[in-house]
C-alpha atoms as a PDB file:
ATOM      1  CA  MET A   1      -5.776 -56.948 -58.604  1.00  0.00           C
ATOM      2  CA  LYS A   2      -9.418 -56.072 -58.614  1.00  0.00           C
ATOM      3  CA  LEU A   3     -10.622 -52.913 -57.203  1.00  0.00           C
ATOM      4  CA  ILE A   4     -14.196 -52.775 -55.888  1.00  0.00           C
ATOM      5  CA  THR A   5     -15.031 -49.154 -55.125  1.00  0.00           C
ATOM      6  CA  GLY A   6     -17.965 -47.246 -53.993  1.00  0.00           C
ATOM      7  CA  ILE A   7     -19.185 -44.305 -52.385  1.00  0.00           C
ATOM      8  CA  GLY A   8     -18.564 -44.239 -48.629  1.00  0.00           C
ATOM      9  CA  ASP A   9     -16.476 -47.808 -48.702  1.00  0.00           C
ATOM     10  CA  ASP A  10     -13.670 -45.975 -47.118  1.00  0.00           C
ATOM     11  CA  GLY A  11     -14.966 -45.082 -43.798  1.00  0.00           C
ATOM     12  CA  ARG A  12     -18.222 -47.028 -43.506  1.00  0.00           C
ATOM     13  CA  GLN A  13     -19.475 -49.969 -45.437  1.00  0.00           C
ATOM     14  CA  PRO A  14     -22.868 -50.030 -46.142  1.00  0.00           C
ATOM     15  CA  ASN A  15     -22.437 -52.729 -48.781  1.00  0.00           C
ATOM     16  CA  GLN A  16     -21.325 -56.265 -47.662  1.00  0.00           C
ATOM     17  CA  HIS A  17     -18.945 -57.644 -50.132  1.00  0.00           C
ATOM     18  CA  THR A  18     -17.924 -60.865 -50.258  1.00  0.00           C
ATOM     19  CA  PRO A  19     -13.970 -61.227 -49.914  1.00  0.00           C
ATOM     20  CA  GLU A  20     -12.371 -62.252 -52.727  1.00  0.00           C
ATOM     21  CA  LEU A  21      -8.513 -63.175 -53.249  1.00  0.00           C
ATOM     22  CA  SER A  22      -6.391 -60.301 -54.563  1.00  0.00           C
ATOM     23  CA  SER A  23      -9.357 -57.777 -54.565  1.00  0.00           C
ATOM     24  CA  LEU A  24      -9.625 -54.583 -52.487  1.00  0.00           C
ATOM     25  CA  THR A  25     -12.792 -52.581 -51.458  1.00  0.00           C
ATOM     26  CA  CYS A  26     -12.495 -49.106 -51.149  1.00  0.00           C
ATOM     27  CA  GLY A  27     -14.289 -45.677 -51.716  1.00  0.00           C
ATOM     28  CA  GLU A  28     -12.956 -42.349 -53.143  1.00  0.00           C
ATOM     29  CA  LYS A  29     -10.122 -41.857 -51.043  1.00  0.00           C
ATOM     30  CA  GLY A  30      -8.826 -45.661 -51.449  1.00  0.00           C
ATOM     31  CA  LEU A  31      -8.977 -45.365 -55.298  1.00  0.00           C
ATOM     32  CA  PHE A  32      -6.477 -42.590 -55.270  1.00  0.00           C
ATOM     33  CA  ALA A  33      -4.278 -43.655 -52.577  1.00  0.00           C
ATOM     34  CA  GLU A  34      -4.004 -47.532 -53.668  1.00  0.00           C
ATOM     35  CA  PRO A  35      -2.559 -46.879 -56.954  1.00  0.00           C
ATOM     36  CA  ALA A  36      -0.085 -44.123 -55.631  1.00  0.00           C
ATOM     37  CA  PHE A  37       1.048 -46.554 -52.832  1.00  0.00           C
ATOM     38  CA  ARG A  38       1.690 -49.108 -55.395  1.00  0.00           C
ATOM     39  CA  ALA A  39       3.634 -46.588 -57.363  1.00  0.00           C
ATOM     40  CA  GLY A  40       5.912 -45.976 -54.382  1.00  0.00           C
ATOM     41  CA  LEU A  41       4.717 -42.382 -53.730  1.00  0.00           C
ATOM     42  CA  PRO A  42       4.269 -41.275 -50.044  1.00  0.00           C
ATOM     43  CA  PRO A  43       0.746 -40.730 -48.698  1.00  0.00           C
ATOM     44  CA  LYS A  44      -0.010 -36.977 -47.998  1.00  0.00           C
ATOM     45  CA  THR A  45      -0.651 -36.825 -44.127  1.00  0.00           C
ATOM     46  CA  ASP A  46       0.249 -33.368 -43.477  1.00  0.00           C
ATOM     47  CA  ASN A  47      -2.668 -31.620 -41.753  1.00  0.00           C
ATOM     48  CA  LYS A  48      -2.819 -28.084 -40.542  1.00  0.00           C
ATOM     49  CA  THR A  49      -1.360 -28.543 -36.878  1.00  0.00           C
ATOM     50  CA  SER A  50       1.541 -30.183 -38.282  1.00  0.00           C
ATOM     51  CA  ARG A  51       2.377 -27.592 -40.861  1.00  0.00           C
ATOM     52  CA  VAL A  52       2.232 -25.017 -38.393  1.00  0.00           C
ATOM     53  CA  ILE A  53       4.481 -26.757 -35.759  1.00  0.00           C
ATOM     54  CA  HIS A  54       6.720 -27.553 -38.758  1.00  0.00           C
ATOM     55  CA  TYR A  55       7.083 -23.772 -40.106  1.00  0.00           C
ATOM     56  CA  LEU A  56       7.263 -22.739 -36.320  1.00  0.00           C
ATOM     57  CA  ASN A  57      10.536 -24.962 -35.969  1.00  0.00           C
ATOM     58  CA  THR A  58      11.485 -23.198 -39.237  1.00  0.00           C
ATOM     59  CA  LEU A  59      10.921 -19.870 -38.134  1.00  0.00           C
ATOM     60  CA  LYS A  60      12.638 -19.981 -34.699  1.00  0.00           C
ATOM     61  CA  PRO A  61      16.297 -20.535 -35.984  1.00  0.00           C
ATOM     62  CA  ALA A  62      15.752 -17.615 -38.492  1.00  0.00           C
ATOM     63  CA  ASP A  63      14.413 -15.208 -35.710  1.00  0.00           C
ATOM     64  CA  ASN A  64      17.825 -12.958 -35.258  1.00  0.00           C
ATOM     65  CA  GLY A  65      15.942 -10.685 -33.099  1.00  0.00           C
ATOM     66  CA  GLN A  66      15.948  -8.117 -36.293  1.00  0.00           C
ATOM     67  CA  ARG A  67      13.176  -9.965 -38.136  1.00  0.00           C
ATOM     68  CA  PHE A  68       9.517  -8.182 -38.140  1.00  0.00           C
ATOM     69  CA  TYR A  69       7.932 -11.095 -36.481  1.00  0.00           C
ATOM     70  CA  GLY A  70      10.445 -11.500 -33.729  1.00  0.00           C
ATOM     71  CA  ASP A  71       8.434  -9.602 -30.898  1.00  0.00           C
ATOM     72  CA  SER A  72       5.350 -11.611 -31.838  1.00  0.00           C
ATOM     73  CA  LEU A  73       7.189 -15.223 -32.125  1.00  0.00           C
ATOM     74  CA  ASN A  74       8.307 -14.603 -28.341  1.00  0.00           C
ATOM     75  CA  THR A  75       4.745 -13.389 -27.363  1.00  0.00           C
ATOM     76  CA  ASP A  76       2.801 -16.321 -29.110  1.00  0.00           C
ATOM     77  CA  PRO A  77       4.380 -18.627 -31.290  1.00  0.00           C
ATOM     78  CA  ILE A  78       2.169 -20.968 -32.503  1.00  0.00           C
ATOM     79  CA  ALA A  79      -0.228 -18.150 -33.601  1.00  0.00           C
ATOM     80  CA  THR A  80       2.573 -16.078 -35.409  1.00  0.00           C
ATOM     81  CA  ALA A  81       3.531 -19.222 -37.113  1.00  0.00           C
ATOM     82  CA  GLU A  82       0.052 -19.804 -37.995  1.00  0.00           C
ATOM     83  CA  THR A  83      -0.585 -16.135 -39.093  1.00  0.00           C
ATOM     84  CA  LEU A  84       2.562 -16.173 -41.362  1.00  0.00           C
ATOM     85  CA  LEU A  85       1.850 -19.492 -42.825  1.00  0.00           C
ATOM     86  CA  ASN A  86      -1.544 -18.515 -43.825  1.00  0.00           C
END
C-alpha cells in the first residue's frame, strides 16, 4: 500500500492527488490511524463528554450514601462526575 501524506490532507484537501490503485491520501491523523487500524488496534474516540458520562455511570453504583461526594452527586451529577474526573 502506498501512503500519500501531507499537511491538512485529513479534513480538507488542498492538493488534488490523482487516484491510484492501492494508495491512501491522508494527513497527520491518518498517518498514525491507518497503521494502527491495520495492526488491529481500536481507534481512540473517547472525548471529554463520553468520559464524564462513563465516570458518572461508575460513580452511581458506588454511592452508598456514605461517600464524600454523595450530596453533590444527588444535586448535580454531571458536574460532580466532571470535577472528580479532573
